[in-house]
């Protein structure tokens, strides 16, 4: 009986736990701009904030601003 509980516990632990982690890989051609220029404009599209300057849209990230397609 004890071994049955151990086996059931082991199967339960394997089934309901996950070792998966989130891995985010940035493409190598992404350019990060550290500081937005003074003449940038803040635009809200569908509730999300984008920054616009030089004819491009940027999104703020932890590392800076990156170009996005809107």
Protein backbone atom coordinates (compact mmCIF):
# COMPACT_ATOMS: atom_id res chain seq x y z
CA UNK A 1 0.00 0.00 0.00
CA UNK A 2 2.85 2.35 0.83
CA UNK A 3 4.49 1.79 -2.57
CA UNK A 4 1.15 2.49 -4.26
CA UNK A 5 0.98 5.90 -2.58
CA UNK A 6 4.57 6.63 -3.55
CA UNK A 7 3.89 5.71 -7.17
CA UNK A 8 0.68 7.78 -7.28
CA UNK A 9 2.50 10.74 -5.69
CA UNK A 10 5.33 10.44 -8.19
CA UNK A 11 2.95 10.30 -11.16
CA UNK A 12 1.00 13.27 -9.76
CA UNK A 13 4.20 15.30 -9.33
CA UNK A 14 5.38 14.54 -12.86
CA UNK A 15 1.99 15.25 -14.42
CA UNK A 16 1.15 18.56 -12.76
CA UNK A 17 4.53 20.27 -12.61
CA UNK A 18 6.26 21.92 -15.49
CA UNK A 19 9.89 22.62 -16.15
CA UNK A 20 9.08 24.92 -19.06
CA UNK A 21 10.38 28.46 -18.91
CA UNK A 22 9.70 31.42 -21.14
CA UNK A 23 12.52 32.13 -23.52
CA UNK A 24 12.45 35.35 -25.52
CA UNK A 25 14.91 35.68 -28.35
CA UNK A 26 15.38 39.08 -29.94
CA UNK A 27 16.41 39.14 -33.56
CA UNK A 28 19.94 40.45 -34.00
CA UNK A 29 18.83 43.23 -36.36
CA UNK A 30 16.66 45.02 -33.75
CA UNK A 31 17.99 48.48 -32.94
CA UNK A 32 17.30 49.87 -29.50
CA UNK A 33 17.22 53.64 -29.02
CA UNK A 34 18.03 54.50 -25.42
CA UNK A 35 16.39 57.96 -25.26
CA UNK A 36 13.48 59.36 -27.27
CA UNK A 37 14.12 62.76 -28.89
CA UNK A 38 12.45 65.86 -27.48
CA UNK A 39 10.15 66.24 -30.49
CA UNK A 40 8.53 62.76 -30.26
CA UNK A 41 4.75 62.37 -30.10
CA UNK A 42 2.84 59.89 -27.95
CA UNK A 43 0.07 58.12 -29.85
CA UNK A 44 -2.45 55.69 -28.34
CA UNK A 45 -3.76 53.01 -30.72
CA UNK A 46 -6.22 50.41 -29.39
CA UNK A 47 -5.23 51.25 -25.83
CA UNK A 48 -1.49 50.77 -26.43
CA UNK A 49 1.00 53.61 -26.24
CA UNK A 50 3.37 54.19 -29.15
CA UNK A 51 5.96 56.87 -29.71
CA UNK A 52 6.27 58.54 -33.11
CA UNK A 53 9.23 60.38 -34.61
CA UNK A 54 11.11 60.40 -37.95
CA UNK A 55 8.10 58.77 -39.64
CA UNK A 56 8.32 55.58 -37.54
CA UNK A 57 6.46 54.13 -34.58
CA UNK A 58 8.37 52.97 -31.53
CA UNK A 59 7.38 50.95 -28.47
CA UNK A 60 8.98 51.52 -25.08
CA UNK A 61 10.76 48.52 -23.55
CA UNK A 62 12.99 47.99 -20.54
CA UNK A 63 16.08 48.58 -22.65
CA UNK A 64 14.79 51.56 -24.64
CA UNK A 65 12.64 52.14 -27.72
CA UNK A 66 12.29 49.68 -30.60
CA UNK A 67 10.69 50.13 -34.02
CA UNK A 68 7.30 48.43 -34.45
CA UNK A 69 4.77 48.08 -37.24
CA UNK A 70 1.36 49.44 -36.30
